[in-house]
Amino acid sequence: MGDTKYTDINYPIIERCKKGEKRAFEELYNLYAKAMFNIAIRIINNNEEAQEVLQDSFLKAFQKMESFDEKYSFGVWLKRIVINRSLDVLKKRKLNFIPIEDANFEVDDTNEDESIYDVESIKQGILKLPDGFRTILSLFLFEDYSHKEISELLKISEGTSKSQYSRAKKKLIEILKLNIISND
């Protein structure tokens, strides 16, 4: 089997963007805006800031369109821009992570049936998490980053990423349980 070259299905639109066609920019925006906004909102948890990240990310992508390598997916390239810009916003908030050695938490290994939580409840619960927990949970679960990649991205240890993820899951379950109790 030879080398299979990746071809982005939106390559023709990307080429038109590189030529400066405004309609092509609009088409790319319409194709990716919702997904990119969802990434930003999961990380930032603020509509106005997520909207700003979305606009800044597209602006940066369009300004750097010449440097985009067609061997890769435009969506993956844009997603990286959105995540980095979202993390910049969180850094301005002075995002804090608790080092693993200071974590001081217990993991509850009871086999509780977590399947009773619906998707919307989980989404709302995630938005209630503190920034650090929500960021790592989102990067790991939704954006498919490894703890090693998260640690490099956030400049924390891999152990800290793992402990924050574990604490985030525990906190999310607490939030979901409280929501069920308060809705009864």
N, C-alpha and C. Protein backbone atom coordinates (compact mmCIF):
# COMPACT_ATOMS: atom_id res chain seq x y z
N MET A 1 0.83 -1.18 0.00
CA MET A 1 0.00 0.00 0.00
C MET A 1 0.87 1.24 0.00
N GLY A 2 0.56 2.15 -0.86
CA GLY A 2 1.34 3.37 -0.96
C GLY A 2 0.88 4.41 0.03
N ASP A 3 1.56 5.55 -0.04
CA ASP A 3 1.19 6.68 0.80
C ASP A 3 -0.14 7.25 0.34
N THR A 4 -1.12 7.22 1.22
CA THR A 4 -2.39 7.84 0.86
C THR A 4 -2.38 9.27 1.34
N LYS A 5 -2.63 10.17 0.44
CA LYS A 5 -2.62 11.59 0.75
C LYS A 5 -3.99 11.99 1.27
N TYR A 6 -3.99 12.77 2.35
CA TYR A 6 -5.24 13.27 2.91
C TYR A 6 -5.72 14.43 2.06
N THR A 7 -6.99 14.42 1.71
CA THR A 7 -7.57 15.53 0.98
C THR A 7 -8.78 16.03 1.76
N ASP A 8 -8.71 17.26 2.20
CA ASP A 8 -9.82 17.87 2.93
C ASP A 8 -10.97 18.07 1.95
N ILE A 9 -12.18 17.67 2.36
CA ILE A 9 -13.33 17.81 1.45
C ILE A 9 -13.63 19.28 1.14
N ASN A 10 -13.13 20.16 1.98
CA ASN A 10 -13.35 21.59 1.76
C ASN A 10 -12.17 22.26 1.04
N TYR A 11 -11.30 21.46 0.47
CA TYR A 11 -10.12 21.98 -0.22
C TYR A 11 -10.47 23.05 -1.26
N PRO A 12 -11.50 22.84 -2.09
CA PRO A 12 -11.82 23.89 -3.08
C PRO A 12 -12.19 25.23 -2.43
N ILE A 13 -12.88 25.19 -1.31
CA ILE A 13 -13.23 26.43 -0.61
C ILE A 13 -11.97 27.07 -0.03
N ILE A 14 -11.09 26.24 0.52
CA ILE A 14 -9.84 26.74 1.09
C ILE A 14 -9.00 27.41 0.01
N GLU A 15 -8.94 26.80 -1.15
CA GLU A 15 -8.19 27.40 -2.26
C GLU A 15 -8.78 28.76 -2.65
N ARG A 16 -10.10 28.85 -2.66
CA ARG A 16 -10.75 30.13 -2.98
C ARG A 16 -10.44 31.16 -1.89
N CYS A 17 -10.37 30.72 -0.64
CA CYS A 17 -10.00 31.63 0.45
C CYS A 17 -8.59 32.17 0.25
N LYS A 18 -7.69 31.28 -0.14
CA LYS A 18 -6.30 31.70 -0.36
C LYS A 18 -6.21 32.74 -1.47
N LYS A 19 -7.17 32.72 -2.38
CA LYS A 19 -7.21 33.71 -3.46
C LYS A 19 -7.92 35.00 -3.02
N GLY A 20 -8.43 35.00 -1.78
CA GLY A 20 -9.05 36.20 -1.25
C GLY A 20 -10.53 36.35 -1.52
N GLU A 21 -11.20 35.28 -1.94
CA GLU A 21 -12.64 35.36 -2.23
C GLU A 21 -13.43 35.46 -0.93
N LYS A 22 -14.13 36.57 -0.76
CA LYS A 22 -14.89 36.80 0.47
C LYS A 22 -16.00 35.78 0.66
N ARG A 23 -16.63 35.37 -0.39
CA ARG A 23 -17.72 34.39 -0.31
C ARG A 23 -17.18 33.05 0.24
N ALA A 24 -15.97 32.70 -0.13
CA ALA A 24 -15.36 31.46 0.35
C ALA A 24 -15.08 31.55 1.85
N PHE A 25 -14.65 32.72 2.33
CA PHE A 25 -14.44 32.91 3.76
C PHE A 25 -15.76 32.69 4.51
N GLU A 26 -16.82 33.24 3.96
CA GLU A 26 -18.13 33.11 4.57
C GLU A 26 -18.57 31.64 4.60
N GLU A 27 -18.30 30.92 3.52
CA GLU A 27 -18.66 29.51 3.46
C GLU A 27 -17.92 28.70 4.52
N LEU A 28 -16.61 28.95 4.66
CA LEU A 28 -15.84 28.23 5.68
C LEU A 28 -16.34 28.57 7.08
N TYR A 29 -16.64 29.83 7.29
CA TYR A 29 -17.17 30.25 8.59
C TYR A 29 -18.47 29.49 8.89
N ASN A 30 -19.35 29.45 7.93
CA ASN A 30 -20.64 28.76 8.12
C ASN A 30 -20.46 27.27 8.36
N LEU A 31 -19.46 26.68 7.75
CA LEU A 31 -19.20 25.25 7.93
C LEU A 31 -18.66 24.91 9.33
N TYR A 32 -17.85 25.79 9.89
CA TYR A 32 -17.12 25.46 11.11
C TYR A 32 -17.51 26.26 12.35
N ALA A 33 -18.25 27.33 12.21
CA ALA A 33 -18.51 28.23 13.35
C ALA A 33 -19.16 27.55 14.53
N LYS A 34 -20.21 26.78 14.28
CA LYS A 34 -20.94 26.15 15.39
C LYS A 34 -20.05 25.20 16.18
N ALA A 35 -19.33 24.35 15.48
CA ALA A 35 -18.45 23.38 16.16
C ALA A 35 -17.35 24.09 16.94
N MET A 36 -16.79 25.14 16.35
CA MET A 36 -15.70 25.86 17.01
C MET A 36 -16.22 26.65 18.22
N PHE A 37 -17.42 27.20 18.10
CA PHE A 37 -18.03 27.89 19.23
C PHE A 37 -18.25 26.91 20.38
N ASN A 38 -18.72 25.71 20.06
CA ASN A 38 -18.96 24.69 21.09
C ASN A 38 -17.68 24.33 21.82
N ILE A 39 -16.57 24.26 21.11
CA ILE A 39 -15.28 23.99 21.75
C ILE A 39 -14.94 25.13 22.70
N ALA A 40 -15.06 26.36 22.21
CA ALA A 40 -14.71 27.53 23.03
C ALA A 40 -15.60 27.62 24.27
N ILE A 41 -16.89 27.41 24.12
CA ILE A 41 -17.81 27.54 25.26
C ILE A 41 -17.55 26.45 26.29
N ARG A 42 -17.18 25.25 25.84
CA ARG A 42 -16.87 24.17 26.79
C ARG A 42 -15.64 24.53 27.63
N ILE A 43 -14.70 25.21 27.03
CA ILE A 43 -13.47 25.56 27.75
C ILE A 43 -13.66 26.83 28.58
N ILE A 44 -14.27 27.84 28.01
CA ILE A 44 -14.36 29.16 28.64
C ILE A 44 -15.58 29.33 29.53
N ASN A 45 -16.71 28.77 29.12
CA ASN A 45 -17.96 28.87 29.86
C ASN A 45 -18.46 30.31 29.99
N ASN A 46 -18.31 31.07 28.93
CA ASN A 46 -18.82 32.44 28.90
C ASN A 46 -19.17 32.75 27.45
N ASN A 47 -20.45 33.03 27.18
CA ASN A 47 -20.90 33.24 25.80
C ASN A 47 -20.16 34.36 25.08
N GLU A 48 -20.03 35.51 25.75
CA GLU A 48 -19.37 36.65 25.10
C GLU A 48 -17.92 36.34 24.79
N GLU A 49 -17.21 35.76 25.76
CA GLU A 49 -15.80 35.44 25.53
C GLU A 49 -15.65 34.35 24.47
N ALA A 50 -16.54 33.37 24.47
CA ALA A 50 -16.49 32.31 23.45
C ALA A 50 -16.74 32.90 22.07
N GLN A 51 -17.68 33.81 21.98
CA GLN A 51 -17.97 34.46 20.70
C GLN A 51 -16.74 35.26 20.22
N GLU A 52 -16.08 35.93 21.16
CA GLU A 52 -14.87 36.69 20.84
C GLU A 52 -13.75 35.76 20.38
N VAL A 53 -13.60 34.63 21.08
CA VAL A 53 -12.59 33.63 20.69
C VAL A 53 -12.89 33.13 19.28
N LEU A 54 -14.15 32.87 19.01
CA LEU A 54 -14.55 32.38 17.69
C LEU A 54 -14.15 33.38 16.61
N GLN A 55 -14.50 34.65 16.82
CA GLN A 55 -14.17 35.69 15.83
C GLN A 55 -12.66 35.84 15.67
N ASP A 56 -11.94 35.90 16.80
CA ASP A 56 -10.47 36.04 16.75
C ASP A 56 -9.82 34.86 16.05
N SER A 57 -10.34 33.66 16.32
CA SER A 57 -9.77 32.44 15.73
C SER A 57 -9.96 32.42 14.22
N PHE A 58 -11.15 32.78 13.77
CA PHE A 58 -11.38 32.82 12.32
C PHE A 58 -10.54 33.91 11.66
N LEU A 59 -10.44 35.05 12.32
CA LEU A 59 -9.63 36.13 11.78
C LEU A 59 -8.18 35.67 11.63
N LYS A 60 -7.66 35.03 12.69
CA LYS A 60 -6.29 34.53 12.65
C LYS A 60 -6.13 33.48 11.55
N ALA A 61 -7.10 32.57 11.45
CA ALA A 61 -7.03 31.53 10.43
C ALA A 61 -7.03 32.14 9.03
N PHE A 62 -7.89 33.12 8.80
CA PHE A 62 -7.96 33.75 7.48
C PHE A 62 -6.68 34.53 7.17
N GLN A 63 -6.10 35.17 8.20
CA GLN A 63 -4.85 35.90 8.00
C GLN A 63 -3.69 34.97 7.72
N LYS A 64 -3.75 33.77 8.28
CA LYS A 64 -2.66 32.78 8.13
C LYS A 64 -2.99 31.71 7.10
N MET A 65 -4.01 31.93 6.31
CA MET A 65 -4.47 30.91 5.36
C MET A 65 -3.34 30.43 4.44
N GLU A 66 -2.44 31.31 4.07
CA GLU A 66 -1.33 30.91 3.20
C GLU A 66 -0.44 29.86 3.85
N SER A 67 -0.37 29.88 5.18
CA SER A 67 0.50 28.92 5.87
C SER A 67 -0.20 27.59 6.14
N PHE A 68 -1.51 27.51 5.84
CA PHE A 68 -2.23 26.26 6.04
C PHE A 68 -1.74 25.22 5.06
N ASP A 69 -1.40 24.05 5.58
CA ASP A 69 -0.88 22.94 4.78
C ASP A 69 -2.04 22.01 4.43
N GLU A 70 -2.33 21.85 3.16
CA GLU A 70 -3.46 21.05 2.70
C GLU A 70 -3.33 19.56 3.01
N LYS A 71 -2.17 19.14 3.51
CA LYS A 71 -2.01 17.74 3.89
C LYS A 71 -2.84 17.42 5.12
N TYR A 72 -3.31 18.46 5.81
CA TYR A 72 -4.04 18.28 7.06
C TYR A 72 -5.47 18.78 6.92
N SER A 73 -6.28 18.46 7.89
CA SER A 73 -7.66 18.90 7.91
C SER A 73 -7.73 20.36 8.36
N PHE A 74 -8.49 21.15 7.63
CA PHE A 74 -8.69 22.54 8.02
C PHE A 74 -9.36 22.60 9.39
N GLY A 75 -10.33 21.72 9.63
CA GLY A 75 -11.03 21.70 10.90
C GLY A 75 -10.10 21.45 12.08
N VAL A 76 -9.16 20.55 11.93
CA VAL A 76 -8.20 20.25 13.00
C VAL A 76 -7.29 21.46 13.23
N TRP A 77 -6.86 22.09 12.14
CA TRP A 77 -6.00 23.28 12.23
C TRP A 77 -6.75 24.41 12.95
N LEU A 78 -7.98 24.65 12.55
CA LEU A 78 -8.80 25.70 13.16
C LEU A 78 -9.10 25.37 14.62
N LYS A 79 -9.37 24.11 14.90
CA LYS A 79 -9.66 23.68 16.27
C LYS A 79 -8.48 24.00 17.18
N ARG A 80 -7.28 23.78 16.71
CA ARG A 80 -6.07 24.08 17.49
C ARG A 80 -6.00 25.58 17.80
N ILE A 81 -6.33 26.40 16.82
CA ILE A 81 -6.34 27.86 17.02
C ILE A 81 -7.37 28.22 18.09
N VAL A 82 -8.57 27.65 17.99
CA VAL A 82 -9.66 27.94 18.94
C VAL A 82 -9.27 27.51 20.35
N ILE A 83 -8.71 26.34 20.49
CA ILE A 83 -8.29 25.85 21.81
C ILE A 83 -7.21 26.74 22.39
N ASN A 84 -6.21 27.07 21.60
CA ASN A 84 -5.13 27.93 22.11
C ASN A 84 -5.66 29.30 22.50
N ARG A 85 -6.54 29.87 21.70
CA ARG A 85 -7.12 31.18 22.02
C ARG A 85 -8.00 31.09 23.27
N SER A 86 -8.75 30.00 23.42
CA SER A 86 -9.57 29.79 24.61
C SER A 86 -8.70 29.70 25.86
N LEU A 87 -7.60 28.99 25.75
CA LEU A 87 -6.69 28.86 26.90
C LEU A 87 -6.05 30.20 27.24
N ASP A 88 -5.79 31.03 26.24
CA ASP A 88 -5.28 32.38 26.50
C ASP A 88 -6.26 33.18 27.35
N VAL A 89 -7.54 33.05 27.04
CA VAL A 89 -8.58 33.74 27.81
C VAL A 89 -8.57 33.24 29.25
N LEU A 90 -8.48 31.93 29.43
CA LEU A 90 -8.46 31.37 30.79
C LEU A 90 -7.22 31.81 31.56
N LYS A 91 -6.09 31.91 30.87
CA LYS A 91 -4.86 32.34 31.54
C LYS A 91 -5.01 33.76 32.07
N LYS A 92 -5.74 34.58 31.35
CA LYS A 92 -5.99 35.95 31.83
C LYS A 92 -6.82 35.93 33.10
N ARG A 93 -7.61 34.89 33.29
CA ARG A 93 -8.40 34.72 34.52
C ARG A 93 -7.55 34.15 35.64
N LYS A 94 -6.29 33.88 35.34
CA LYS A 94 -5.37 33.28 36.31
C LYS A 94 -5.85 31.88 36.71
N LEU A 95 -6.02 31.05 35.70
CA LEU A 95 -6.44 29.66 35.87
C LEU A 95 -5.45 28.94 36.78
N ASN A 96 -5.95 28.32 37.82
CA ASN A 96 -5.09 27.63 38.78
C ASN A 96 -5.37 26.14 38.77
N PHE A 97 -4.30 25.38 38.86
CA PHE A 97 -4.39 23.93 38.97
C PHE A 97 -3.71 23.52 40.26
N ILE A 98 -4.27 22.52 40.91
CA ILE A 98 -3.70 22.02 42.16
C ILE A 98 -2.73 20.91 41.80
N PRO A 99 -1.45 21.06 42.16
CA PRO A 99 -0.49 19.98 41.88
C PRO A 99 -0.94 18.68 42.53
N ILE A 100 -0.60 17.57 41.90
CA ILE A 100 -1.08 16.26 42.36
C ILE A 100 -0.70 15.99 43.81
N GLU A 101 0.49 16.43 44.21
CA GLU A 101 0.91 16.15 45.58
C GLU A 101 0.08 16.94 46.60
N ASP A 102 -0.59 18.01 46.17
CA ASP A 102 -1.44 18.80 47.05
C ASP A 102 -2.92 18.50 46.85
N ALA A 103 -3.23 17.54 46.01
CA ALA A 103 -4.61 17.32 45.61
C ALA A 103 -5.50 16.89 46.78
N ASN A 104 -5.03 15.98 47.63
CA ASN A 104 -5.75 15.60 48.83
C ASN A 104 -7.22 15.24 48.55
N PHE A 105 -7.43 14.23 47.75
CA PHE A 105 -8.79 13.81 47.43
C PHE A 105 -8.87 12.30 47.43
N GLU A 106 -10.08 11.81 47.58
CA GLU A 106 -10.32 10.38 47.56
C GLU A 106 -11.19 10.07 46.35
N VAL A 107 -10.89 8.96 45.70
CA VAL A 107 -11.70 8.54 44.57
C VAL A 107 -12.72 7.53 45.06
N ASP A 108 -13.96 7.77 44.73
CA ASP A 108 -15.04 6.87 45.12
C ASP A 108 -15.19 5.82 44.02
N ASP A 109 -14.84 4.59 44.35
CA ASP A 109 -14.86 3.52 43.35
C ASP A 109 -16.16 2.73 43.35
N THR A 110 -17.20 3.24 43.97
CA THR A 110 -18.47 2.51 43.97
C THR A 110 -19.00 2.45 42.56
N ASN A 111 -19.58 1.33 42.21
CA ASN A 111 -20.11 1.14 40.86
C ASN A 111 -21.52 1.70 40.76
N GLU A 112 -21.62 2.98 40.76
CA GLU A 112 -22.91 3.63 40.68
C GLU A 112 -23.34 3.72 39.22
N ASP A 113 -24.62 3.57 38.96
CA ASP A 113 -25.11 3.65 37.59
C ASP A 113 -25.18 5.10 37.15
N GLU A 114 -24.17 5.52 36.36
CA GLU A 114 -24.11 6.90 35.91
C GLU A 114 -24.89 7.11 34.62
N SER A 115 -25.46 6.03 34.08
CA SER A 115 -26.17 6.14 32.82
C SER A 115 -27.53 6.83 32.97
N ILE A 116 -27.92 7.15 34.21
CA ILE A 116 -29.19 7.81 34.43
C ILE A 116 -29.14 9.29 34.07
N TYR A 117 -27.95 9.81 33.83
CA TYR A 117 -27.80 11.23 33.50
C TYR A 117 -27.96 11.43 32.00
N ASP A 118 -28.83 12.35 31.62
CA ASP A 118 -29.00 12.62 30.20
C ASP A 118 -27.94 13.60 29.72
N VAL A 119 -27.76 13.68 28.42
CA VAL A 119 -26.71 14.49 27.81
C VAL A 119 -26.83 15.96 28.23
N GLU A 120 -28.03 16.50 28.23
CA GLU A 120 -28.21 17.91 28.58
C GLU A 120 -27.81 18.17 30.03
N SER A 121 -28.15 17.26 30.93
CA SER A 121 -27.76 17.41 32.35
C SER A 121 -26.24 17.40 32.49
N ILE A 122 -25.60 16.52 31.74
CA ILE A 122 -24.13 16.44 31.79
C ILE A 122 -23.52 17.72 31.25
N LYS A 123 -24.03 18.23 30.12
CA LYS A 123 -23.52 19.49 29.56
C LYS A 123 -23.64 20.62 30.57
N GLN A 124 -24.82 20.73 31.20
CA GLN A 124 -25.05 21.79 32.19
C GLN A 124 -24.14 21.60 33.41
N GLY A 125 -23.95 20.35 33.81
CA GLY A 125 -23.06 20.06 34.93
C GLY A 125 -21.63 20.47 34.65
N ILE A 126 -21.16 20.19 33.44
CA ILE A 126 -19.80 20.55 33.05
C ILE A 126 -19.61 22.06 33.12
N LEU A 127 -20.62 22.81 32.71
CA LEU A 127 -20.52 24.27 32.73
C LEU A 127 -20.43 24.82 34.15
N LYS A 128 -20.87 24.02 35.14
CA LYS A 128 -20.81 24.46 36.53
C LYS A 128 -19.47 24.14 37.19
N LEU A 129 -18.62 23.39 36.50
CA LEU A 129 -17.31 23.04 37.05
C LEU A 129 -16.40 24.27 37.10
N PRO A 130 -15.47 24.30 38.06
CA PRO A 130 -14.47 25.37 38.05
C PRO A 130 -13.65 25.31 36.76
N ASP A 131 -13.08 26.44 36.36
CA ASP A 131 -12.36 26.54 35.09
C ASP A 131 -11.34 25.43 34.86
N GLY A 132 -10.49 25.19 35.86
CA GLY A 132 -9.44 24.17 35.70
C GLY A 132 -10.00 22.79 35.44
N PHE A 133 -11.01 22.40 36.23
CA PHE A 133 -11.64 21.10 36.04
C PHE A 133 -12.29 21.01 34.66
N ARG A 134 -13.07 22.04 34.32
CA ARG A 134 -13.81 22.03 33.05
C ARG A 134 -12.85 21.98 31.86
N THR A 135 -11.75 22.72 31.95
CA THR A 135 -10.78 22.76 30.86
C THR A 135 -10.18 21.39 30.60
N ILE A 136 -9.69 20.77 31.65
CA ILE A 136 -9.04 19.46 31.48
C ILE A 136 -10.05 18.40 31.07
N LEU A 137 -11.22 18.40 31.68
CA LEU A 137 -12.27 17.45 31.31
C LEU A 137 -12.63 17.61 29.83
N SER A 138 -12.80 18.84 29.39
CA SER A 138 -13.16 19.10 27.99
C SER A 138 -12.06 18.68 27.03
N LEU A 139 -10.82 19.05 27.36
CA LEU A 139 -9.71 18.69 26.47
C LEU A 139 -9.55 17.17 26.38
N PHE A 140 -9.69 16.49 27.51
CA PHE A 140 -9.49 15.04 27.52
C PHE A 140 -10.67 14.30 26.89
N LEU A 141 -11.89 14.62 27.32
CA LEU A 141 -13.06 13.87 26.84
C LEU A 141 -13.53 14.28 25.45
N PHE A 142 -13.63 15.57 25.22
CA PHE A 142 -14.26 16.04 23.99
C PHE A 142 -13.27 16.33 22.87
N GLU A 143 -12.09 16.81 23.22
CA GLU A 143 -11.12 17.16 22.18
C GLU A 143 -10.08 16.07 21.97
N ASP A 144 -10.16 15.00 22.75
CA ASP A 144 -9.34 13.81 22.59
C ASP A 144 -7.84 14.07 22.77
N TYR A 145 -7.51 14.99 23.67
CA TYR A 145 -6.11 15.23 24.01
C TYR A 145 -5.68 14.23 25.07
N SER A 146 -4.43 13.80 25.02
CA SER A 146 -3.90 12.91 26.05
C SER A 146 -3.48 13.78 27.24
N HIS A 147 -3.26 13.15 28.39
CA HIS A 147 -2.80 13.92 29.55
C HIS A 147 -1.43 14.53 29.28
N LYS A 148 -0.62 13.84 28.51
CA LYS A 148 0.70 14.38 28.15
C LYS A 148 0.52 15.66 27.32
N GLU A 149 -0.37 15.62 26.33
CA GLU A 149 -0.61 16.80 25.51
C GLU A 149 -1.21 17.94 26.33
N ILE A 150 -2.12 17.61 27.23
CA ILE A 150 -2.73 18.63 28.09
C ILE A 150 -1.67 19.26 28.98
N SER A 151 -0.79 18.44 29.53
CA SER A 151 0.25 18.97 30.42
C SER A 151 1.16 19.92 29.67
N GLU A 152 1.49 19.59 28.43
CA GLU A 152 2.34 20.48 27.63
C GLU A 152 1.60 21.76 27.27
N LEU A 153 0.35 21.63 26.91
CA LEU A 153 -0.46 22.78 26.52
C LEU A 153 -0.67 23.75 27.67
N LEU A 154 -0.94 23.21 28.86
CA LEU A 154 -1.25 24.05 30.02
C LEU A 154 -0.03 24.33 30.91
N LYS A 155 1.11 23.73 30.54
CA LYS A 155 2.35 23.89 31.31
C LYS A 155 2.17 23.44 32.76
N ILE A 156 1.60 22.24 32.90
CA ILE A 156 1.43 21.59 34.20
C ILE A 156 2.00 20.18 34.06
N SER A 157 2.15 19.48 35.17
CA SER A 157 2.66 18.11 35.07
C SER A 157 1.55 17.18 34.57
N GLU A 158 1.98 16.07 34.02
CA GLU A 158 1.02 15.06 33.55
C GLU A 158 0.19 14.54 34.73
N GLY A 159 0.84 14.39 35.88
CA GLY A 159 0.13 13.95 37.08
C GLY A 159 -0.93 14.94 37.52
N THR A 160 -0.63 16.21 37.40
CA THR A 160 -1.61 17.24 37.74
C THR A 160 -2.80 17.16 36.81
N SER A 161 -2.54 16.94 35.51
CA SER A 161 -3.63 16.81 34.55
C SER A 161 -4.51 15.62 34.93
N LYS A 162 -3.90 14.49 35.26
CA LYS A 162 -4.66 13.30 35.62
C LYS A 162 -5.47 13.52 36.91
N SER A 163 -4.85 14.17 37.90
CA SER A 163 -5.57 14.38 39.16
C SER A 163 -6.72 15.37 38.96
N GLN A 164 -6.50 16.41 38.16
CA GLN A 164 -7.57 17.38 37.89
C GLN A 164 -8.72 16.70 37.14
N TYR A 165 -8.38 15.82 36.23
CA TYR A 165 -9.41 15.08 35.48
C TYR A 165 -10.22 14.21 36.44
N SER A 166 -9.53 13.49 37.31
CA SER A 166 -10.21 12.63 38.27
C SER A 166 -11.10 13.45 39.20
N ARG A 167 -10.59 14.56 39.68
CA ARG A 167 -11.37 15.44 40.57
C ARG A 167 -12.54 16.05 39.81
N ALA A 168 -12.34 16.38 38.54
CA ALA A 168 -13.42 16.96 37.73
C ALA A 168 -14.56 15.96 37.58
N LYS A 169 -14.22 14.71 37.30
CA LYS A 169 -15.26 13.67 37.18
C LYS A 169 -16.04 13.53 38.48
N LYS A 170 -15.31 13.49 39.59
CA LYS A 170 -15.95 13.35 40.90
C LYS A 170 -16.87 14.55 41.16
N LYS A 171 -16.38 15.75 40.89
CA LYS A 171 -17.17 16.96 41.12
C LYS A 171 -18.40 16.98 40.19
N LEU A 172 -18.23 16.55 38.96
CA LEU A 172 -19.35 16.51 38.02
C LEU A 172 -20.43 15.56 38.52
N ILE A 173 -20.05 14.41 39.04
CA ILE A 173 -21.03 13.47 39.57
C ILE A 173 -21.77 14.09 40.75
N GLU A 174 -21.04 14.82 41.61
CA GLU A 174 -21.69 15.51 42.74
C GLU A 174 -22.71 16.52 42.23
N ILE A 175 -22.34 17.28 41.22
CA ILE A 175 -23.24 18.29 40.64
C ILE A 175 -24.47 17.61 40.06
N LEU A 176 -24.27 16.52 39.34
CA LEU A 176 -25.39 15.81 38.73
C LEU A 176 -26.33 15.24 39.79
N LYS A 177 -25.75 14.71 40.86
CA LYS A 177 -26.58 14.17 41.95
C LYS A 177 -27.40 15.28 42.59
N LEU A 178 -26.78 16.44 42.83
CA LEU A 178 -27.50 17.57 43.41
C LEU A 178 -28.64 18.03 42.52
N ASN A 179 -28.39 18.03 41.20
CA ASN A 179 -29.45 18.43 40.26
C ASN A 179 -30.62 17.46 40.30
N ILE A 180 -30.32 16.18 40.42
CA ILE A 180 -31.40 15.18 40.48
C ILE A 180 -32.20 15.37 41.76
N ILE A 181 -31.52 15.59 42.86
CA ILE A 181 -32.20 15.79 44.15
C ILE A 181 -33.06 17.05 44.11
N SER A 182 -32.50 18.14 43.57
CA SER A 182 -33.24 19.40 43.55
C SER A 182 -34.40 19.38 42.56
N ASN A 183 -34.36 18.46 41.58
CA ASN A 183 -35.44 18.36 40.60
C ASN A 183 -36.55 17.41 41.05
N ASP A 184 -36.30 16.67 42.13
CA ASP A 184 -37.33 15.73 42.63
C ASP A 184 -38.42 16.45 43.37
